[in-house]
Amino acid sequence: MLKTVILWPAIAQLALIAFCYLWLGITRRNAVNSGAVSSTEFAPGAKEPDASATARRHLANQFELPILFFVVVGFLFGINGTSILEVAVAWLFVASRAVHTVSSLSGPLVLRHLSFLVGFLLVCFLWLDLAVRIL
């Protein structure tokens, strides 16, 4: 039972990424509907409204640090290396990414940086935990 519980934070992180895709779609639709840009102005490198560009950059960020999270969760699952500690740290990572998302899209820069640092340290902890478990 505990082995599969580690997958729920990964599923929640995927839901957060899906939200970021939705947010990007909404910001782009709003930009087109308001007449700020045409629907053809979202090609890579094209100038796009700030809200859309921010959402696009944040979505791209979801495929950086979270990838290391998904990989370590998969390895922990594969070696049956899941305890309450790993599950709690995984959920804390997802919470840090949720705070990072909110602060990236509308919050203060210091909160974004702090939430990224916390998430990075949590992922490092999971990798260190994995390394200790396979020694």
N, C-alpha and C. Protein backbone atom coordinates (compact mmCIF):
# COMPACT_ATOMS: atom_id res chain seq x y z
N MET A 1 0.83 -1.20 0.00
CA MET A 1 0.00 0.00 0.00
C MET A 1 0.86 1.25 0.00
N LEU A 2 1.85 1.32 0.92
CA LEU A 2 2.68 2.51 1.04
C LEU A 2 3.51 2.73 -0.23
N LYS A 3 3.89 1.64 -0.89
CA LYS A 3 4.69 1.78 -2.11
C LYS A 3 3.98 2.65 -3.14
N THR A 4 2.70 2.44 -3.34
CA THR A 4 1.98 3.18 -4.38
C THR A 4 1.58 4.59 -3.94
N VAL A 5 1.61 4.88 -2.65
CA VAL A 5 1.23 6.20 -2.16
C VAL A 5 2.17 7.28 -2.69
N ILE A 6 3.42 6.93 -2.96
CA ILE A 6 4.39 7.90 -3.48
C ILE A 6 3.98 8.41 -4.86
N LEU A 7 3.11 7.68 -5.54
CA LEU A 7 2.68 8.10 -6.87
C LEU A 7 1.67 9.25 -6.82
N TRP A 8 0.96 9.42 -5.71
CA TRP A 8 -0.05 10.50 -5.62
C TRP A 8 0.56 11.90 -5.73
N PRO A 9 1.69 12.18 -5.07
CA PRO A 9 2.29 13.49 -5.30
C PRO A 9 2.71 13.70 -6.76
N ALA A 10 3.17 12.64 -7.41
CA ALA A 10 3.53 12.76 -8.83
C ALA A 10 2.29 13.06 -9.67
N ILE A 11 1.18 12.43 -9.35
CA ILE A 11 -0.07 12.69 -10.06
C ILE A 11 -0.52 14.14 -9.80
N ALA A 12 -0.38 14.60 -8.56
CA ALA A 12 -0.73 15.98 -8.22
C ALA A 12 0.16 16.97 -8.98
N GLN A 13 1.45 16.65 -9.12
CA GLN A 13 2.36 17.52 -9.88
C GLN A 13 1.93 17.57 -11.34
N LEU A 14 1.52 16.44 -11.88
CA LEU A 14 1.02 16.42 -13.25
C LEU A 14 -0.23 17.29 -13.38
N ALA A 15 -1.10 17.25 -12.39
CA ALA A 15 -2.29 18.11 -12.40
C ALA A 15 -1.90 19.59 -12.39
N LEU A 16 -0.87 19.92 -11.65
CA LEU A 16 -0.38 21.30 -11.63
C LEU A 16 0.14 21.71 -13.01
N ILE A 17 0.84 20.82 -13.66
CA ILE A 17 1.32 21.09 -15.02
C ILE A 17 0.14 21.27 -15.97
N ALA A 18 -0.88 20.44 -15.83
CA ALA A 18 -2.08 20.58 -16.66
C ALA A 18 -2.73 21.94 -16.43
N PHE A 19 -2.77 22.39 -15.18
CA PHE A 19 -3.29 23.72 -14.88
C PHE A 19 -2.48 24.79 -15.60
N CYS A 20 -1.17 24.64 -15.63
CA CYS A 20 -0.32 25.62 -16.32
C CYS A 20 -0.62 25.66 -17.82
N TYR A 21 -0.87 24.50 -18.42
CA TYR A 21 -1.29 24.47 -19.83
C TYR A 21 -2.62 25.21 -20.00
N LEU A 22 -3.54 24.95 -19.11
CA LEU A 22 -4.84 25.63 -19.18
C LEU A 22 -4.67 27.13 -19.02
N TRP A 23 -3.86 27.55 -18.08
CA TRP A 23 -3.63 28.98 -17.85
C TRP A 23 -3.02 29.63 -19.09
N LEU A 24 -2.07 28.95 -19.73
CA LEU A 24 -1.47 29.48 -20.95
C LEU A 24 -2.54 29.63 -22.03
N GLY A 25 -3.39 28.64 -22.18
CA GLY A 25 -4.46 28.72 -23.18
C GLY A 25 -5.41 29.88 -22.90
N ILE A 26 -5.75 30.08 -21.64
CA ILE A 26 -6.65 31.18 -21.28
C ILE A 26 -6.00 32.53 -21.56
N THR A 27 -4.74 32.68 -21.18
CA THR A 27 -4.08 33.98 -21.42
C THR A 27 -3.95 34.26 -22.91
N ARG A 28 -3.68 33.24 -23.69
CA ARG A 28 -3.57 33.45 -25.14
C ARG A 28 -4.94 33.75 -25.76
N ARG A 29 -5.97 33.04 -25.32
CA ARG A 29 -7.32 33.32 -25.83
C ARG A 29 -7.72 34.74 -25.49
N ASN A 30 -7.46 35.17 -24.26
CA ASN A 30 -7.79 36.54 -23.86
C ASN A 30 -7.04 37.57 -24.69
N ALA A 31 -5.79 37.28 -25.00
CA ALA A 31 -5.00 38.21 -25.82
C ALA A 31 -5.58 38.32 -27.23
N VAL A 32 -5.98 37.20 -27.79
CA VAL A 32 -6.57 37.22 -29.14
C VAL A 32 -7.94 37.91 -29.10
N ASN A 33 -8.78 37.56 -28.12
CA ASN A 33 -10.11 38.14 -28.02
C ASN A 33 -10.09 39.65 -27.78
N SER A 34 -9.06 40.12 -27.06
CA SER A 34 -8.97 41.56 -26.80
C SER A 34 -8.40 42.33 -27.98
N GLY A 35 -7.90 41.61 -28.96
CA GLY A 35 -7.31 42.26 -30.12
C GLY A 35 -5.86 42.66 -29.93
N ALA A 36 -5.26 42.26 -28.81
CA ALA A 36 -3.86 42.60 -28.56
C ALA A 36 -2.92 41.94 -29.56
N VAL A 37 -3.27 40.75 -29.99
CA VAL A 37 -2.49 40.01 -30.99
C VAL A 37 -3.44 39.19 -31.85
N SER A 38 -2.92 38.74 -32.99
CA SER A 38 -3.70 37.80 -33.80
C SER A 38 -3.31 36.38 -33.37
N SER A 39 -4.10 35.42 -33.75
CA SER A 39 -3.84 34.05 -33.32
C SER A 39 -2.57 33.49 -33.95
N THR A 40 -2.04 34.16 -34.95
CA THR A 40 -0.82 33.67 -35.60
C THR A 40 0.45 34.24 -34.96
N GLU A 41 0.31 35.07 -33.94
CA GLU A 41 1.47 35.71 -33.34
C GLU A 41 2.06 34.95 -32.16
N PHE A 42 1.77 33.68 -32.05
CA PHE A 42 2.31 32.90 -30.95
C PHE A 42 3.38 31.92 -31.40
N ALA A 43 3.95 32.17 -32.56
CA ALA A 43 5.04 31.32 -33.03
C ALA A 43 6.25 31.51 -32.12
N PRO A 44 7.11 30.49 -32.01
CA PRO A 44 8.31 30.65 -31.17
C PRO A 44 9.12 31.88 -31.57
N GLY A 45 9.47 32.66 -30.57
CA GLY A 45 10.24 33.87 -30.81
C GLY A 45 9.41 35.09 -31.14
N ALA A 46 8.13 34.91 -31.38
CA ALA A 46 7.26 36.05 -31.72
C ALA A 46 6.96 36.85 -30.45
N LYS A 47 6.74 38.12 -30.63
CA LYS A 47 6.35 38.97 -29.50
C LYS A 47 4.93 38.59 -29.09
N GLU A 48 4.75 38.36 -27.82
CA GLU A 48 3.41 38.06 -27.33
C GLU A 48 3.15 38.88 -26.07
N PRO A 49 1.90 39.05 -25.69
CA PRO A 49 1.58 39.85 -24.50
C PRO A 49 2.29 39.30 -23.26
N ASP A 50 2.55 40.19 -22.32
CA ASP A 50 3.29 39.81 -21.11
C ASP A 50 2.65 38.66 -20.36
N ALA A 51 1.33 38.68 -20.18
CA ALA A 51 0.67 37.61 -19.42
C ALA A 51 0.87 36.26 -20.09
N SER A 52 0.77 36.23 -21.40
CA SER A 52 0.96 34.99 -22.14
C SER A 52 2.42 34.54 -22.08
N ALA A 53 3.34 35.48 -22.24
CA ALA A 53 4.76 35.14 -22.18
C ALA A 53 5.14 34.60 -20.80
N THR A 54 4.58 35.20 -19.76
CA THR A 54 4.84 34.73 -18.39
C THR A 54 4.31 33.32 -18.21
N ALA A 55 3.10 33.06 -18.68
CA ALA A 55 2.51 31.72 -18.57
C ALA A 55 3.33 30.71 -19.37
N ARG A 56 3.80 31.10 -20.54
CA ARG A 56 4.61 30.20 -21.38
C ARG A 56 5.93 29.87 -20.70
N ARG A 57 6.60 30.88 -20.14
CA ARG A 57 7.87 30.64 -19.46
C ARG A 57 7.67 29.75 -18.23
N HIS A 58 6.57 29.98 -17.51
CA HIS A 58 6.32 29.16 -16.32
C HIS A 58 6.01 27.72 -16.71
N LEU A 59 5.27 27.52 -17.77
CA LEU A 59 5.00 26.17 -18.24
C LEU A 59 6.30 25.47 -18.61
N ALA A 60 7.19 26.16 -19.30
CA ALA A 60 8.49 25.57 -19.65
C ALA A 60 9.26 25.19 -18.39
N ASN A 61 9.13 25.99 -17.35
CA ASN A 61 9.81 25.72 -16.08
C ASN A 61 9.30 24.42 -15.46
N GLN A 62 8.07 24.02 -15.76
CA GLN A 62 7.52 22.78 -15.22
C GLN A 62 8.20 21.54 -15.80
N PHE A 63 9.05 21.74 -16.79
CA PHE A 63 9.77 20.61 -17.39
C PHE A 63 11.26 20.71 -17.09
N GLU A 64 11.58 21.37 -16.00
CA GLU A 64 12.96 21.46 -15.54
C GLU A 64 13.07 20.72 -14.20
N LEU A 65 12.94 21.40 -13.09
CA LEU A 65 13.06 20.76 -11.76
C LEU A 65 12.05 19.63 -11.56
N PRO A 66 10.78 19.79 -11.95
CA PRO A 66 9.84 18.68 -11.73
C PRO A 66 10.23 17.37 -12.43
N ILE A 67 10.99 17.45 -13.51
CA ILE A 67 11.43 16.21 -14.17
C ILE A 67 12.31 15.40 -13.22
N LEU A 68 13.19 16.08 -12.48
CA LEU A 68 14.03 15.37 -11.51
C LEU A 68 13.17 14.74 -10.41
N PHE A 69 12.08 15.40 -10.07
CA PHE A 69 11.13 14.87 -9.09
C PHE A 69 10.47 13.60 -9.63
N PHE A 70 9.95 13.66 -10.86
CA PHE A 70 9.29 12.49 -11.44
C PHE A 70 10.24 11.30 -11.52
N VAL A 71 11.48 11.56 -11.90
CA VAL A 71 12.45 10.47 -12.03
C VAL A 71 12.75 9.83 -10.67
N VAL A 72 13.02 10.64 -9.66
CA VAL A 72 13.35 10.07 -8.36
C VAL A 72 12.16 9.34 -7.75
N VAL A 73 10.96 9.85 -7.96
CA VAL A 73 9.77 9.13 -7.48
C VAL A 73 9.67 7.77 -8.17
N GLY A 74 9.93 7.74 -9.47
CA GLY A 74 9.90 6.47 -10.20
C GLY A 74 10.94 5.48 -9.68
N PHE A 75 12.14 5.99 -9.41
CA PHE A 75 13.18 5.11 -8.86
C PHE A 75 12.80 4.60 -7.47
N LEU A 76 12.31 5.50 -6.62
CA LEU A 76 11.89 5.08 -5.28
C LEU A 76 10.79 4.03 -5.36
N PHE A 77 9.86 4.24 -6.26
CA PHE A 77 8.78 3.26 -6.46
C PHE A 77 9.38 1.93 -6.92
N GLY A 78 10.30 2.01 -7.86
CA GLY A 78 10.89 0.80 -8.44
C GLY A 78 11.68 -0.04 -7.45
N ILE A 79 12.32 0.59 -6.48
CA ILE A 79 13.11 -0.18 -5.51
C ILE A 79 12.33 -0.43 -4.22
N ASN A 80 11.06 -0.07 -4.22
CA ASN A 80 10.22 -0.19 -3.03
C ASN A 80 10.83 0.60 -1.88
N GLY A 81 11.30 1.82 -2.20
CA GLY A 81 11.96 2.65 -1.22
C GLY A 81 11.09 3.75 -0.67
N THR A 82 9.86 3.42 -0.39
CA THR A 82 8.90 4.43 0.05
C THR A 82 8.53 4.23 1.51
N SER A 83 8.73 5.30 2.28
CA SER A 83 8.26 5.33 3.66
C SER A 83 7.44 6.61 3.82
N ILE A 84 6.94 6.81 5.01
CA ILE A 84 6.19 8.04 5.29
C ILE A 84 7.05 9.26 5.01
N LEU A 85 8.35 9.18 5.29
CA LEU A 85 9.26 10.30 5.06
C LEU A 85 9.30 10.70 3.59
N GLU A 86 9.48 9.75 2.69
CA GLU A 86 9.54 10.07 1.27
C GLU A 86 8.21 10.63 0.77
N VAL A 87 7.12 10.06 1.24
CA VAL A 87 5.80 10.55 0.83
C VAL A 87 5.60 11.99 1.31
N ALA A 88 5.97 12.26 2.55
CA ALA A 88 5.81 13.62 3.09
C ALA A 88 6.69 14.61 2.32
N VAL A 89 7.92 14.24 2.03
CA VAL A 89 8.81 15.13 1.28
C VAL A 89 8.27 15.34 -0.14
N ALA A 90 7.74 14.30 -0.74
CA ALA A 90 7.17 14.44 -2.09
C ALA A 90 5.99 15.41 -2.08
N TRP A 91 5.13 15.30 -1.08
CA TRP A 91 4.00 16.23 -0.99
C TRP A 91 4.47 17.66 -0.73
N LEU A 92 5.51 17.81 0.09
CA LEU A 92 6.07 19.14 0.32
C LEU A 92 6.63 19.73 -0.97
N PHE A 93 7.24 18.88 -1.80
CA PHE A 93 7.73 19.35 -3.10
C PHE A 93 6.57 19.89 -3.94
N VAL A 94 5.50 19.12 -4.01
CA VAL A 94 4.34 19.55 -4.80
C VAL A 94 3.78 20.86 -4.24
N ALA A 95 3.73 20.98 -2.92
CA ALA A 95 3.25 22.23 -2.31
C ALA A 95 4.18 23.39 -2.68
N SER A 96 5.49 23.14 -2.68
CA SER A 96 6.43 24.21 -3.05
C SER A 96 6.24 24.62 -4.50
N ARG A 97 5.92 23.67 -5.36
CA ARG A 97 5.68 23.99 -6.78
C ARG A 97 4.36 24.74 -6.96
N ALA A 98 3.37 24.43 -6.13
CA ALA A 98 2.11 25.18 -6.20
C ALA A 98 2.34 26.63 -5.79
N VAL A 99 3.11 26.83 -4.72
CA VAL A 99 3.44 28.20 -4.30
C VAL A 99 4.26 28.88 -5.39
N HIS A 100 5.18 28.15 -5.99
CA HIS A 100 5.99 28.70 -7.08
C HIS A 100 5.11 29.13 -8.26
N THR A 101 4.11 28.32 -8.57
CA THR A 101 3.20 28.65 -9.67
C THR A 101 2.42 29.92 -9.36
N VAL A 102 1.83 29.99 -8.19
CA VAL A 102 1.05 31.18 -7.81
C VAL A 102 1.94 32.41 -7.82
N SER A 103 3.13 32.30 -7.24
CA SER A 103 4.01 33.47 -7.17
C SER A 103 4.59 33.82 -8.54
N SER A 104 4.77 32.85 -9.41
CA SER A 104 5.27 33.14 -10.76
C SER A 104 4.23 33.88 -11.59
N LEU A 105 2.98 33.53 -11.40
CA LEU A 105 1.92 34.12 -12.22
C LEU A 105 1.38 35.42 -11.64
N SER A 106 1.55 35.63 -10.31
CA SER A 106 0.96 36.85 -9.76
C SER A 106 1.60 37.35 -8.47
N GLY A 107 2.56 36.64 -7.94
CA GLY A 107 3.06 36.99 -6.62
C GLY A 107 4.39 37.70 -6.61
N PRO A 108 4.91 37.95 -5.43
CA PRO A 108 6.20 38.63 -5.31
C PRO A 108 7.37 37.73 -5.72
N LEU A 109 8.38 38.34 -6.28
CA LEU A 109 9.55 37.62 -6.77
C LEU A 109 10.25 36.84 -5.66
N VAL A 110 10.33 37.43 -4.47
CA VAL A 110 11.03 36.76 -3.37
C VAL A 110 10.34 35.45 -3.00
N LEU A 111 9.03 35.39 -3.07
CA LEU A 111 8.29 34.16 -2.78
C LEU A 111 8.58 33.11 -3.85
N ARG A 112 8.66 33.55 -5.10
CA ARG A 112 8.98 32.63 -6.18
C ARG A 112 10.36 32.02 -5.97
N HIS A 113 11.33 32.84 -5.64
CA HIS A 113 12.69 32.34 -5.43
C HIS A 113 12.76 31.40 -4.23
N LEU A 114 12.10 31.76 -3.15
CA LEU A 114 12.11 30.94 -1.95
C LEU A 114 11.43 29.59 -2.21
N SER A 115 10.30 29.60 -2.89
CA SER A 115 9.60 28.34 -3.16
C SER A 115 10.41 27.45 -4.09
N PHE A 116 11.13 28.06 -5.05
CA PHE A 116 12.00 27.26 -5.92
C PHE A 116 13.11 26.62 -5.09
N LEU A 117 13.75 27.40 -4.22
CA LEU A 117 14.84 26.88 -3.39
C LEU A 117 14.36 25.73 -2.52
N VAL A 118 13.20 25.89 -1.89
CA VAL A 118 12.64 24.83 -1.05
C VAL A 118 12.41 23.57 -1.89
N GLY A 119 11.80 23.72 -3.06
CA GLY A 119 11.56 22.57 -3.93
C GLY A 119 12.85 21.90 -4.37
N PHE A 120 13.85 22.71 -4.70
CA PHE A 120 15.14 22.16 -5.11
C PHE A 120 15.77 21.35 -3.97
N LEU A 121 15.74 21.90 -2.77
CA LEU A 121 16.31 21.18 -1.63
C LEU A 121 15.55 19.89 -1.33
N LEU A 122 14.24 19.91 -1.50
CA LEU A 122 13.44 18.70 -1.27
C LEU A 122 13.77 17.62 -2.30
N VAL A 123 13.94 18.01 -3.55
CA VAL A 123 14.31 17.03 -4.58
C VAL A 123 15.71 16.49 -4.30
N CYS A 124 16.62 17.36 -3.90
CA CYS A 124 17.97 16.90 -3.53
C CYS A 124 17.90 15.89 -2.40
N PHE A 125 17.04 16.16 -1.42
CA PHE A 125 16.87 15.22 -0.30
C PHE A 125 16.38 13.86 -0.81
N LEU A 126 15.40 13.87 -1.72
CA LEU A 126 14.88 12.60 -2.24
C LEU A 126 15.97 11.83 -2.99
N TRP A 127 16.80 12.53 -3.74
CA TRP A 127 17.90 11.86 -4.46
C TRP A 127 18.93 11.31 -3.48
N LEU A 128 19.24 12.07 -2.44
CA LEU A 128 20.18 11.60 -1.42
C LEU A 128 19.60 10.38 -0.70
N ASP A 129 18.33 10.44 -0.38
CA ASP A 129 17.64 9.31 0.25
C ASP A 129 17.71 8.07 -0.64
N LEU A 130 17.50 8.25 -1.92
CA LEU A 130 17.59 7.14 -2.87
C LEU A 130 19.00 6.56 -2.87
N ALA A 131 20.00 7.44 -2.90
CA ALA A 131 21.38 6.98 -2.92
C ALA A 131 21.70 6.16 -1.67
N VAL A 132 21.24 6.61 -0.52
CA VAL A 132 21.48 5.88 0.74
C VAL A 132 20.78 4.52 0.69
N ARG A 133 19.59 4.49 0.15
CA ARG A 133 18.81 3.25 0.12
C ARG A 133 19.45 2.19 -0.80
N ILE A 134 20.16 2.62 -1.83
CA ILE A 134 20.73 1.63 -2.75
C ILE A 134 22.19 1.28 -2.43
N LEU A 135 22.74 1.88 -1.39
CA LEU A 135 24.12 1.53 -0.99
C LEU A 135 24.21 0.13 -0.45
